Amino acid sequence: MRIFGVILAGGESRRMGSDKAFVPLASRPLIAHVLNRLAPQVDAILISANRDPERFASFGCRVIPDAKPQGPLSGILAALIHAAEQGATHIVSCPVDTPFLPADLVPQLVRAAEHSPNGLAFAGDETGDHPATAVWPVALVPALAAFLGRGEAKVTRFTAAQQATRALFPDPQVFLNVNSPFDLAAAEALLKGAA
């Protein structure tokens, strides 16, 4: 099994008011926190983004644009295609605004995926599901391309159609989304509490 990590950084960051990937958390951009959490768990990291790829140059990761932007799933499809070309069997996706990802994210997702007929599993906790944080086998490329080709874009609709399973994590704080200045303040407080 060869797994690539994919950081989904293609959103417009409307609630934050600036590019979320570069919003500073404890003096480091959000994307740096996500990279530090995900990189030890995968064979390589890709960044899914649609604007100027040069802004990510300092992170040393390949930037993959969507063929046709339709939300997170189009980024996941582009990453799956690229990963397959590089000999990967799976990708693990996560949003760029999740700086506290668990150290066992990938093994837990892979374990849960063994119970899915199509090998797809997403993260969940007691507060709900996190469908953009998931493991995707590259074999899903045709199904996902067809889904997007029909004009569909909802992640949960695709995961349900593929009979995805849930990997349940005990601590909901590991999936805190930093979507707004309020969330950023909460993340800063979490980091100070852990220090």
N, C-alpha and C. Protein backbone atom coordinates (compact mmCIF):
# COMPACT_ATOMS: atom_id res chain seq x y z
N MET A 1 0.84 -1.18 0.00
CA MET A 1 0.00 0.00 0.00
C MET A 1 0.89 1.25 0.00
N ARG A 2 0.66 2.13 -0.94
CA ARG A 2 1.40 3.39 -1.03
C ARG A 2 0.40 4.53 -0.96
N ILE A 3 0.53 5.36 0.06
CA ILE A 3 -0.49 6.38 0.34
C ILE A 3 0.11 7.78 0.22
N PHE A 4 -0.57 8.63 -0.55
CA PHE A 4 -0.21 10.04 -0.64
C PHE A 4 -1.19 10.84 0.22
N GLY A 5 -0.68 11.84 0.91
CA GLY A 5 -1.55 12.77 1.62
C GLY A 5 -1.90 13.92 0.70
N VAL A 6 -3.13 14.42 0.82
CA VAL A 6 -3.58 15.55 -0.01
C VAL A 6 -4.19 16.60 0.90
N ILE A 7 -3.59 17.77 0.90
CA ILE A 7 -4.13 18.89 1.68
C ILE A 7 -5.02 19.71 0.77
N LEU A 8 -6.29 19.80 1.12
CA LEU A 8 -7.28 20.50 0.30
C LEU A 8 -7.23 22.00 0.62
N ALA A 9 -6.62 22.76 -0.29
CA ALA A 9 -6.43 24.19 -0.06
C ALA A 9 -7.04 25.01 -1.20
N GLY A 10 -8.09 24.48 -1.81
CA GLY A 10 -8.68 25.15 -2.97
C GLY A 10 -9.86 26.03 -2.66
N GLY A 11 -10.26 26.12 -1.38
CA GLY A 11 -11.43 26.93 -1.03
C GLY A 11 -11.18 28.42 -1.14
N GLU A 12 -12.26 29.20 -1.02
CA GLU A 12 -12.15 30.65 -1.19
C GLU A 12 -11.95 31.40 0.12
N SER A 13 -12.04 30.72 1.25
CA SER A 13 -11.76 31.33 2.56
C SER A 13 -12.62 32.57 2.82
N ARG A 14 -13.89 32.52 2.44
CA ARG A 14 -14.76 33.69 2.60
C ARG A 14 -14.92 34.12 4.06
N ARG A 15 -15.14 33.13 4.95
CA ARG A 15 -15.38 33.48 6.36
C ARG A 15 -14.12 34.01 7.04
N MET A 16 -12.96 33.55 6.60
CA MET A 16 -11.72 34.01 7.21
C MET A 16 -11.31 35.38 6.68
N GLY A 17 -11.64 35.64 5.42
CA GLY A 17 -11.30 36.93 4.84
C GLY A 17 -9.92 36.99 4.21
N SER A 18 -9.14 35.91 4.32
CA SER A 18 -7.83 35.82 3.67
C SER A 18 -7.54 34.34 3.42
N ASP A 19 -6.51 34.06 2.65
CA ASP A 19 -6.18 32.68 2.28
C ASP A 19 -5.87 31.87 3.55
N LYS A 20 -6.77 30.92 3.87
CA LYS A 20 -6.64 30.17 5.13
C LYS A 20 -5.30 29.44 5.25
N ALA A 21 -4.77 28.98 4.16
CA ALA A 21 -3.51 28.22 4.22
C ALA A 21 -2.41 29.01 4.90
N PHE A 22 -2.47 30.33 4.78
CA PHE A 22 -1.38 31.17 5.28
C PHE A 22 -1.75 31.97 6.52
N VAL A 23 -2.92 31.73 7.06
CA VAL A 23 -3.30 32.39 8.31
C VAL A 23 -2.37 31.89 9.41
N PRO A 24 -1.74 32.79 10.17
CA PRO A 24 -0.80 32.33 11.20
C PRO A 24 -1.49 31.78 12.44
N LEU A 25 -1.02 30.62 12.85
CA LEU A 25 -1.43 30.01 14.12
C LEU A 25 -0.14 29.73 14.87
N ALA A 26 0.02 30.33 16.04
CA ALA A 26 1.27 30.22 16.80
C ALA A 26 2.48 30.57 15.91
N SER A 27 2.31 31.65 15.16
CA SER A 27 3.38 32.20 14.30
C SER A 27 3.76 31.34 13.11
N ARG A 28 2.97 30.30 12.82
CA ARG A 28 3.22 29.47 11.64
C ARG A 28 1.94 29.36 10.83
N PRO A 29 2.04 29.32 9.49
CA PRO A 29 0.82 29.21 8.69
C PRO A 29 0.07 27.91 8.97
N LEU A 30 -1.25 27.97 8.84
CA LEU A 30 -2.08 26.79 9.09
C LEU A 30 -1.59 25.57 8.32
N ILE A 31 -1.23 25.78 7.06
CA ILE A 31 -0.82 24.64 6.24
C ILE A 31 0.42 23.95 6.82
N ALA A 32 1.29 24.70 7.48
CA ALA A 32 2.48 24.09 8.08
C ALA A 32 2.10 23.13 9.20
N HIS A 33 1.07 23.47 9.97
CA HIS A 33 0.59 22.59 11.04
C HIS A 33 0.04 21.30 10.45
N VAL A 34 -0.76 21.44 9.37
CA VAL A 34 -1.36 20.26 8.74
C VAL A 34 -0.26 19.37 8.14
N LEU A 35 0.71 19.99 7.49
CA LEU A 35 1.84 19.23 6.93
C LEU A 35 2.58 18.45 8.00
N ASN A 36 2.85 19.09 9.11
CA ASN A 36 3.57 18.42 10.20
C ASN A 36 2.81 17.22 10.75
N ARG A 37 1.49 17.32 10.78
CA ARG A 37 0.66 16.22 11.29
C ARG A 37 0.55 15.08 10.29
N LEU A 38 0.40 15.43 9.01
CA LEU A 38 0.11 14.41 7.99
C LEU A 38 1.36 13.75 7.41
N ALA A 39 2.42 14.53 7.21
CA ALA A 39 3.61 14.03 6.49
C ALA A 39 4.20 12.74 7.08
N PRO A 40 4.31 12.59 8.42
CA PRO A 40 4.90 11.35 8.93
C PRO A 40 4.05 10.10 8.67
N GLN A 41 2.80 10.30 8.25
CA GLN A 41 1.88 9.17 8.10
C GLN A 41 1.72 8.70 6.66
N VAL A 42 2.34 9.41 5.70
CA VAL A 42 2.13 9.10 4.28
C VAL A 42 3.46 9.07 3.53
N ASP A 43 3.40 8.61 2.28
CA ASP A 43 4.61 8.50 1.47
C ASP A 43 5.00 9.81 0.79
N ALA A 44 4.02 10.66 0.52
CA ALA A 44 4.27 11.96 -0.11
C ALA A 44 3.07 12.84 0.17
N ILE A 45 3.28 14.16 0.05
CA ILE A 45 2.19 15.12 0.26
C ILE A 45 1.94 15.90 -1.03
N LEU A 46 0.67 16.03 -1.38
CA LEU A 46 0.24 16.89 -2.48
C LEU A 46 -0.61 18.02 -1.89
N ILE A 47 -0.63 19.15 -2.57
CA ILE A 47 -1.51 20.25 -2.18
C ILE A 47 -2.50 20.47 -3.31
N SER A 48 -3.78 20.40 -3.01
CA SER A 48 -4.84 20.66 -3.98
C SER A 48 -5.19 22.14 -3.90
N ALA A 49 -4.86 22.89 -4.97
CA ALA A 49 -5.12 24.34 -4.97
C ALA A 49 -5.26 24.82 -6.41
N ASN A 50 -6.03 25.89 -6.58
CA ASN A 50 -6.34 26.36 -7.94
C ASN A 50 -5.76 27.72 -8.30
N ARG A 51 -5.32 28.49 -7.32
CA ARG A 51 -4.71 29.76 -7.66
C ARG A 51 -3.20 29.57 -7.74
N ASP A 52 -2.47 30.65 -7.85
CA ASP A 52 -1.02 30.63 -8.06
C ASP A 52 -0.30 29.56 -7.24
N PRO A 53 0.21 28.50 -7.87
CA PRO A 53 0.88 27.43 -7.13
C PRO A 53 2.19 27.88 -6.48
N GLU A 54 2.78 28.96 -6.99
CA GLU A 54 4.07 29.43 -6.46
C GLU A 54 3.99 29.83 -5.00
N ARG A 55 2.79 30.19 -4.53
CA ARG A 55 2.68 30.62 -3.13
C ARG A 55 2.97 29.47 -2.16
N PHE A 56 2.94 28.24 -2.66
CA PHE A 56 3.24 27.07 -1.83
C PHE A 56 4.67 26.56 -2.01
N ALA A 57 5.48 27.26 -2.80
CA ALA A 57 6.80 26.75 -3.18
C ALA A 57 7.67 26.40 -1.97
N SER A 58 7.58 27.16 -0.91
CA SER A 58 8.46 26.94 0.25
C SER A 58 8.15 25.64 1.00
N PHE A 59 7.01 25.01 0.70
CA PHE A 59 6.64 23.78 1.42
C PHE A 59 7.14 22.52 0.72
N GLY A 60 7.67 22.65 -0.49
CA GLY A 60 8.27 21.51 -1.18
C GLY A 60 7.30 20.42 -1.58
N CYS A 61 6.04 20.77 -1.80
CA CYS A 61 5.03 19.77 -2.19
C CYS A 61 4.51 20.07 -3.60
N ARG A 62 4.15 19.04 -4.32
CA ARG A 62 3.54 19.21 -5.64
C ARG A 62 2.15 19.80 -5.47
N VAL A 63 1.84 20.84 -6.24
CA VAL A 63 0.52 21.47 -6.21
C VAL A 63 -0.29 20.95 -7.39
N ILE A 64 -1.47 20.42 -7.10
CA ILE A 64 -2.32 19.82 -8.13
C ILE A 64 -3.60 20.67 -8.27
N PRO A 65 -3.81 21.28 -9.45
CA PRO A 65 -5.05 22.04 -9.65
C PRO A 65 -6.19 21.12 -10.09
N ASP A 66 -7.42 21.57 -9.88
CA ASP A 66 -8.58 20.83 -10.37
C ASP A 66 -8.67 20.98 -11.88
N ALA A 67 -9.16 19.94 -12.56
CA ALA A 67 -9.44 20.07 -13.99
C ALA A 67 -10.61 21.02 -14.19
N LYS A 68 -11.64 20.88 -13.33
CA LYS A 68 -12.82 21.75 -13.38
C LYS A 68 -13.28 21.93 -11.93
N PRO A 69 -13.04 23.09 -11.32
CA PRO A 69 -13.37 23.27 -9.91
C PRO A 69 -14.85 23.03 -9.60
N GLN A 70 -15.11 22.05 -8.72
CA GLN A 70 -16.46 21.72 -8.27
C GLN A 70 -16.46 21.42 -6.77
N GLY A 71 -15.58 22.10 -6.04
CA GLY A 71 -15.50 21.83 -4.61
C GLY A 71 -14.46 20.78 -4.30
N PRO A 72 -14.46 20.28 -3.05
CA PRO A 72 -13.41 19.36 -2.61
C PRO A 72 -13.28 18.10 -3.47
N LEU A 73 -14.39 17.58 -3.99
CA LEU A 73 -14.31 16.34 -4.75
C LEU A 73 -13.51 16.49 -6.04
N SER A 74 -13.55 17.66 -6.65
CA SER A 74 -12.75 17.83 -7.88
C SER A 74 -11.26 17.86 -7.54
N GLY A 75 -10.91 18.42 -6.37
CA GLY A 75 -9.53 18.37 -5.92
C GLY A 75 -9.09 16.95 -5.60
N ILE A 76 -9.99 16.20 -4.99
CA ILE A 76 -9.70 14.81 -4.66
C ILE A 76 -9.51 13.98 -5.93
N LEU A 77 -10.36 14.22 -6.94
CA LEU A 77 -10.22 13.49 -8.20
C LEU A 77 -8.87 13.80 -8.86
N ALA A 78 -8.50 15.08 -8.93
CA ALA A 78 -7.21 15.44 -9.55
C ALA A 78 -6.05 14.79 -8.79
N ALA A 79 -6.15 14.78 -7.47
CA ALA A 79 -5.09 14.17 -6.65
C ALA A 79 -5.05 12.66 -6.85
N LEU A 80 -6.21 12.02 -6.93
CA LEU A 80 -6.25 10.57 -7.18
C LEU A 80 -5.58 10.22 -8.50
N ILE A 81 -5.88 10.99 -9.53
CA ILE A 81 -5.30 10.72 -10.85
C ILE A 81 -3.78 10.88 -10.80
N HIS A 82 -3.32 11.97 -10.20
CA HIS A 82 -1.87 12.19 -10.09
C HIS A 82 -1.20 11.10 -9.25
N ALA A 83 -1.82 10.77 -8.12
CA ALA A 83 -1.24 9.76 -7.23
C ALA A 83 -1.14 8.41 -7.94
N ALA A 84 -2.17 8.05 -8.69
CA ALA A 84 -2.15 6.78 -9.43
C ALA A 84 -1.00 6.77 -10.44
N GLU A 85 -0.79 7.90 -11.12
CA GLU A 85 0.31 8.00 -12.09
C GLU A 85 1.67 7.82 -11.42
N GLN A 86 1.75 8.16 -10.14
CA GLN A 86 3.00 8.06 -9.39
C GLN A 86 3.12 6.72 -8.64
N GLY A 87 2.19 5.80 -8.88
CA GLY A 87 2.27 4.48 -8.28
C GLY A 87 1.63 4.35 -6.91
N ALA A 88 0.88 5.37 -6.47
CA ALA A 88 0.19 5.29 -5.18
C ALA A 88 -1.06 4.43 -5.32
N THR A 89 -1.45 3.81 -4.24
CA THR A 89 -2.68 3.01 -4.23
C THR A 89 -3.85 3.77 -3.61
N HIS A 90 -3.54 4.75 -2.75
CA HIS A 90 -4.57 5.51 -2.02
C HIS A 90 -4.10 6.94 -1.81
N ILE A 91 -5.08 7.81 -1.53
CA ILE A 91 -4.75 9.12 -0.98
C ILE A 91 -5.53 9.26 0.33
N VAL A 92 -5.00 10.09 1.21
CA VAL A 92 -5.73 10.53 2.40
C VAL A 92 -5.87 12.04 2.28
N SER A 93 -7.10 12.50 2.25
CA SER A 93 -7.36 13.94 2.10
C SER A 93 -7.69 14.56 3.45
N CYS A 94 -7.35 15.84 3.58
CA CYS A 94 -7.77 16.61 4.75
C CYS A 94 -7.78 18.09 4.38
N PRO A 95 -8.66 18.86 4.99
CA PRO A 95 -8.71 20.29 4.70
C PRO A 95 -7.49 21.02 5.28
N VAL A 96 -7.15 22.14 4.66
CA VAL A 96 -6.00 22.93 5.08
C VAL A 96 -6.23 23.62 6.42
N ASP A 97 -7.48 23.65 6.88
CA ASP A 97 -7.80 24.37 8.12
C ASP A 97 -7.99 23.45 9.32
N THR A 98 -7.36 22.25 9.28
CA THR A 98 -7.45 21.30 10.40
C THR A 98 -6.06 21.07 11.00
N PRO A 99 -5.59 21.99 11.85
CA PRO A 99 -4.21 21.93 12.32
C PRO A 99 -3.91 20.91 13.41
N PHE A 100 -4.95 20.23 13.93
CA PHE A 100 -4.73 19.31 15.06
C PHE A 100 -4.98 17.85 14.70
N LEU A 101 -4.81 17.49 13.45
CA LEU A 101 -5.08 16.12 13.01
C LEU A 101 -4.38 15.09 13.91
N PRO A 102 -5.04 13.96 14.18
CA PRO A 102 -4.44 12.96 15.06
C PRO A 102 -3.23 12.26 14.44
N ALA A 103 -2.31 11.85 15.29
CA ALA A 103 -1.09 11.17 14.84
C ALA A 103 -1.38 9.80 14.25
N ASP A 104 -2.57 9.24 14.55
CA ASP A 104 -2.94 7.93 14.01
C ASP A 104 -4.06 8.04 12.98
N LEU A 105 -4.18 9.20 12.34
CA LEU A 105 -5.26 9.41 11.36
C LEU A 105 -5.24 8.36 10.26
N VAL A 106 -4.09 8.22 9.60
CA VAL A 106 -4.02 7.34 8.43
C VAL A 106 -4.26 5.87 8.80
N PRO A 107 -3.57 5.32 9.82
CA PRO A 107 -3.84 3.92 10.14
C PRO A 107 -5.29 3.65 10.55
N GLN A 108 -5.90 4.61 11.25
CA GLN A 108 -7.31 4.42 11.65
C GLN A 108 -8.23 4.43 10.44
N LEU A 109 -7.98 5.35 9.50
CA LEU A 109 -8.79 5.39 8.29
C LEU A 109 -8.62 4.12 7.47
N VAL A 110 -7.38 3.66 7.34
CA VAL A 110 -7.11 2.45 6.55
C VAL A 110 -7.80 1.25 7.19
N ARG A 111 -7.76 1.17 8.50
CA ARG A 111 -8.42 0.06 9.21
C ARG A 111 -9.94 0.09 8.97
N ALA A 112 -10.53 1.28 9.06
CA ALA A 112 -11.97 1.40 8.83
C ALA A 112 -12.34 1.07 7.39
N ALA A 113 -11.46 1.43 6.44
CA ALA A 113 -11.73 1.19 5.03
C ALA A 113 -11.81 -0.30 4.69
N GLU A 114 -11.20 -1.13 5.52
CA GLU A 114 -11.26 -2.57 5.29
C GLU A 114 -12.70 -3.09 5.38
N HIS A 115 -13.57 -2.33 6.01
CA HIS A 115 -14.98 -2.73 6.18
C HIS A 115 -15.91 -2.09 5.15
N SER A 116 -15.32 -1.34 4.21
CA SER A 116 -16.11 -0.72 3.14
C SER A 116 -15.93 -1.54 1.87
N PRO A 117 -17.01 -1.86 1.16
CA PRO A 117 -16.86 -2.66 -0.06
C PRO A 117 -16.01 -1.98 -1.13
N ASN A 118 -15.92 -0.64 -1.06
CA ASN A 118 -15.14 0.10 -2.06
C ASN A 118 -13.87 0.71 -1.48
N GLY A 119 -13.54 0.36 -0.23
CA GLY A 119 -12.29 0.81 0.36
C GLY A 119 -12.23 2.27 0.72
N LEU A 120 -13.39 2.89 0.95
CA LEU A 120 -13.45 4.32 1.27
C LEU A 120 -13.90 4.49 2.72
N ALA A 121 -13.15 5.29 3.49
CA ALA A 121 -13.53 5.56 4.88
C ALA A 121 -13.23 7.02 5.21
N PHE A 122 -14.08 7.61 6.06
CA PHE A 122 -13.91 9.01 6.47
C PHE A 122 -13.85 9.09 7.99
N ALA A 123 -13.37 10.21 8.47
CA ALA A 123 -13.24 10.42 9.91
C ALA A 123 -14.56 10.89 10.51
N GLY A 124 -14.77 10.51 11.77
CA GLY A 124 -15.93 10.98 12.51
C GLY A 124 -15.61 11.02 13.99
N ASP A 125 -16.44 11.75 14.73
CA ASP A 125 -16.31 11.79 16.19
C ASP A 125 -17.70 11.99 16.76
N GLU A 126 -17.79 12.20 18.06
CA GLU A 126 -19.10 12.30 18.71
C GLU A 126 -19.90 13.51 18.24
N THR A 127 -19.25 14.50 17.64
CA THR A 127 -19.97 15.69 17.19
C THR A 127 -20.47 15.55 15.75
N GLY A 128 -19.97 14.58 15.01
CA GLY A 128 -20.41 14.41 13.63
C GLY A 128 -19.33 13.82 12.74
N ASP A 129 -19.57 13.86 11.44
CA ASP A 129 -18.65 13.29 10.47
C ASP A 129 -17.80 14.38 9.81
N HIS A 130 -16.64 13.96 9.31
CA HIS A 130 -15.71 14.86 8.63
C HIS A 130 -15.36 14.22 7.29
N PRO A 131 -16.30 14.27 6.33
CA PRO A 131 -16.14 13.50 5.09
C PRO A 131 -14.98 13.93 4.20
N ALA A 132 -14.47 15.15 4.36
CA ALA A 132 -13.33 15.56 3.55
C ALA A 132 -12.01 15.03 4.11
N THR A 133 -12.06 14.48 5.32
CA THR A 133 -10.89 13.81 5.91
C THR A 133 -11.13 12.32 5.74
N ALA A 134 -10.49 11.75 4.73
CA ALA A 134 -10.85 10.39 4.32
C ALA A 134 -9.71 9.71 3.58
N VAL A 135 -9.82 8.39 3.48
CA VAL A 135 -8.90 7.61 2.65
C VAL A 135 -9.68 7.17 1.41
N TRP A 136 -9.05 7.37 0.24
CA TRP A 136 -9.68 7.12 -1.05
C TRP A 136 -8.77 6.21 -1.88
N PRO A 137 -9.21 5.01 -2.26
CA PRO A 137 -8.39 4.20 -3.17
C PRO A 137 -8.39 4.80 -4.58
N VAL A 138 -7.27 4.70 -5.29
CA VAL A 138 -7.21 5.26 -6.64
C VAL A 138 -8.19 4.55 -7.59
N ALA A 139 -8.63 3.37 -7.20
CA ALA A 139 -9.62 2.64 -8.02
C ALA A 139 -10.95 3.38 -8.13
N LEU A 140 -11.16 4.39 -7.28
CA LEU A 140 -12.42 5.15 -7.32
C LEU A 140 -12.44 6.22 -8.42
N VAL A 141 -11.34 6.39 -9.15
CA VAL A 141 -11.29 7.45 -10.17
C VAL A 141 -12.47 7.40 -11.15
N PRO A 142 -12.79 6.24 -11.77
CA PRO A 142 -13.90 6.25 -12.72
C PRO A 142 -15.24 6.64 -12.08
N ALA A 143 -15.52 6.10 -10.90
CA ALA A 143 -16.79 6.40 -10.23
C ALA A 143 -16.86 7.88 -9.85
N LEU A 144 -15.77 8.44 -9.35
CA LEU A 144 -15.77 9.85 -8.95
C LEU A 144 -15.85 10.76 -10.17
N ALA A 145 -15.16 10.41 -11.24
CA ALA A 145 -15.23 11.21 -12.47
C ALA A 145 -16.65 11.22 -13.02
N ALA A 146 -17.31 10.07 -12.99
CA ALA A 146 -18.68 9.98 -13.49
C ALA A 146 -19.63 10.80 -12.60
N PHE A 147 -19.42 10.74 -11.31
CA PHE A 147 -20.25 11.49 -10.34
C PHE A 147 -20.13 12.99 -10.61
N LEU A 148 -18.91 13.48 -10.73
CA LEU A 148 -18.71 14.91 -11.01
C LEU A 148 -19.22 15.27 -12.40
N GLY A 149 -19.08 14.35 -13.34
CA GLY A 149 -19.55 14.59 -14.70
C GLY A 149 -21.05 14.78 -14.79
N ARG A 150 -21.78 14.23 -13.82
CA ARG A 150 -23.24 14.41 -13.76
C ARG A 150 -23.61 15.74 -13.08
N GLY A 151 -22.60 16.52 -12.70
CA GLY A 151 -22.88 17.79 -12.04
C GLY A 151 -23.04 17.67 -10.54
N GLU A 152 -22.80 16.48 -10.01
CA GLU A 152 -22.87 16.28 -8.57
C GLU A 152 -21.58 16.81 -7.94
N ALA A 153 -21.66 17.23 -6.68
CA ALA A 153 -20.45 17.73 -6.03
C ALA A 153 -20.43 17.49 -4.53
N LYS A 154 -21.53 16.98 -3.97
CA LYS A 154 -21.62 16.84 -2.52
C LYS A 154 -20.82 15.63 -2.04
N VAL A 155 -19.87 15.88 -1.15
CA VAL A 155 -18.99 14.81 -0.68
C VAL A 155 -19.79 13.69 -0.03
N THR A 156 -20.73 14.03 0.84
CA THR A 156 -21.46 13.00 1.57
C THR A 156 -22.34 12.15 0.64
N ARG A 157 -22.80 12.73 -0.44
CA ARG A 157 -23.60 11.93 -1.38
C ARG A 157 -22.72 10.88 -2.06
N PHE A 158 -21.50 11.28 -2.40
CA PHE A 158 -20.59 10.31 -3.03
C PHE A 158 -20.16 9.24 -2.02
N THR A 159 -19.79 9.64 -0.81
CA THR A 159 -19.33 8.65 0.17
C THR A 159 -20.45 7.67 0.51
N ALA A 160 -21.69 8.16 0.56
CA ALA A 160 -22.82 7.26 0.84
C ALA A 160 -23.02 6.28 -0.31
N ALA A 161 -22.91 6.77 -1.54
CA ALA A 161 -23.09 5.90 -2.72
C ALA A 161 -22.01 4.83 -2.77
N GLN A 162 -20.84 5.12 -2.24
CA GLN A 162 -19.73 4.17 -2.24
C GLN A 162 -19.69 3.31 -0.97
N GLN A 163 -20.71 3.45 -0.13
CA GLN A 163 -20.81 2.68 1.12
C GLN A 163 -19.56 2.85 1.98
N ALA A 164 -19.14 4.11 2.11
CA ALA A 164 -17.97 4.42 2.93
C ALA A 164 -18.25 4.08 4.39
N THR A 165 -17.21 3.75 5.11
CA THR A 165 -17.32 3.48 6.54
C THR A 165 -16.71 4.65 7.32
N ARG A 166 -17.03 4.68 8.60
CA ARG A 166 -16.57 5.76 9.47
C ARG A 166 -15.47 5.26 10.39
N ALA A 167 -14.38 6.03 10.47
CA ALA A 167 -13.35 5.78 11.48
C ALA A 167 -13.65 6.73 12.64
N LEU A 168 -14.00 6.18 13.76
CA LEU A 168 -14.43 6.99 14.89
C LEU A 168 -13.24 7.37 15.76
N PHE A 169 -13.07 8.67 15.99
CA PHE A 169 -11.99 9.19 16.83
C PHE A 169 -12.58 9.74 18.12
N PRO A 170 -11.91 9.54 19.26
CA PRO A 170 -12.50 9.90 20.54
C PRO A 170 -12.48 11.40 20.86
N ASP A 171 -11.56 12.15 20.26
CA ASP A 171 -11.40 13.56 20.62
C ASP A 171 -11.83 14.46 19.47
N PRO A 172 -12.98 15.14 19.57
CA PRO A 172 -13.43 16.00 18.47
C PRO A 172 -12.52 17.19 18.20
N GLN A 173 -11.70 17.57 19.17
CA GLN A 173 -10.83 18.74 18.96
C GLN A 173 -9.79 18.51 17.87
N VAL A 174 -9.48 17.25 17.57
CA VAL A 174 -8.47 16.99 16.53
C VAL A 174 -8.96 17.38 15.14
N PHE A 175 -10.28 17.58 14.99
CA PHE A 175 -10.84 17.98 13.70
C PHE A 175 -11.35 19.41 13.70
N LEU A 176 -10.90 20.20 14.68
CA LEU A 176 -11.30 21.60 14.72
C LEU A 176 -10.99 22.27 13.40
N ASN A 177 -12.01 22.87 12.78
CA ASN A 177 -11.84 23.62 11.53
C ASN A 177 -11.64 25.09 11.85
N VAL A 178 -10.55 25.65 11.37
CA VAL A 178 -10.29 27.07 11.57
C VAL A 178 -10.86 27.83 10.37
N ASN A 179 -12.17 28.12 10.47
CA ASN A 179 -12.90 28.76 9.37
C ASN A 179 -13.03 30.26 9.51
N SER A 180 -12.87 30.77 10.73
CA SER A 180 -13.16 32.17 11.00
C SER A 180 -12.18 32.70 12.04
N PRO A 181 -12.13 34.01 12.23
CA PRO A 181 -11.27 34.55 13.30
C PRO A 181 -11.63 33.99 14.68
N PHE A 182 -12.91 33.70 14.91
CA PHE A 182 -13.33 33.10 16.19
C PHE A 182 -12.69 31.72 16.37
N ASP A 183 -12.73 30.92 15.28
CA ASP A 183 -12.11 29.58 15.33
C ASP A 183 -10.60 29.68 15.55
N LEU A 184 -9.99 30.69 14.93
CA LEU A 184 -8.55 30.88 15.09
C LEU A 184 -8.20 31.17 16.55
N ALA A 185 -9.03 31.99 17.19
CA ALA A 185 -8.80 32.29 18.61
C ALA A 185 -8.93 31.02 19.45
N ALA A 186 -9.91 30.17 19.10
CA ALA A 186 -10.11 28.90 19.83
C ALA A 186 -8.90 27.99 19.63
N ALA A 187 -8.35 27.97 18.42
CA ALA A 187 -7.17 27.15 18.14
C ALA A 187 -5.96 27.65 18.91
N GLU A 188 -5.79 28.96 18.96
CA GLU A 188 -4.68 29.55 19.73
C GLU A 188 -4.80 29.14 21.21
N ALA A 189 -6.03 29.20 21.73
CA ALA A 189 -6.25 28.83 23.14
C ALA A 189 -5.94 27.36 23.37
N LEU A 190 -6.31 26.52 22.40
CA LEU A 190 -6.02 25.08 22.52
C LEU A 190 -4.51 24.85 22.57
N LEU A 191 -3.78 25.53 21.71
CA LEU A 191 -2.32 25.36 21.70
C LEU A 191 -1.69 25.84 23.00
N LYS A 192 -2.19 26.96 23.51
CA LYS A 192 -1.64 27.47 24.78
C LYS A 192 -1.93 26.51 25.92
N GLY A 193 -3.12 25.87 25.88
CA GLY A 193 -3.48 24.90 26.93
C GLY A 193 -2.62 23.67 26.87
N ALA A 194 -2.14 23.31 25.66
CA ALA A 194 -1.32 22.10 25.51
C ALA A 194 0.14 22.38 25.84
N ALA A 195 0.52 23.65 25.87
CA ALA A 195 1.93 24.00 26.11
C ALA A 195 2.30 23.87 27.57
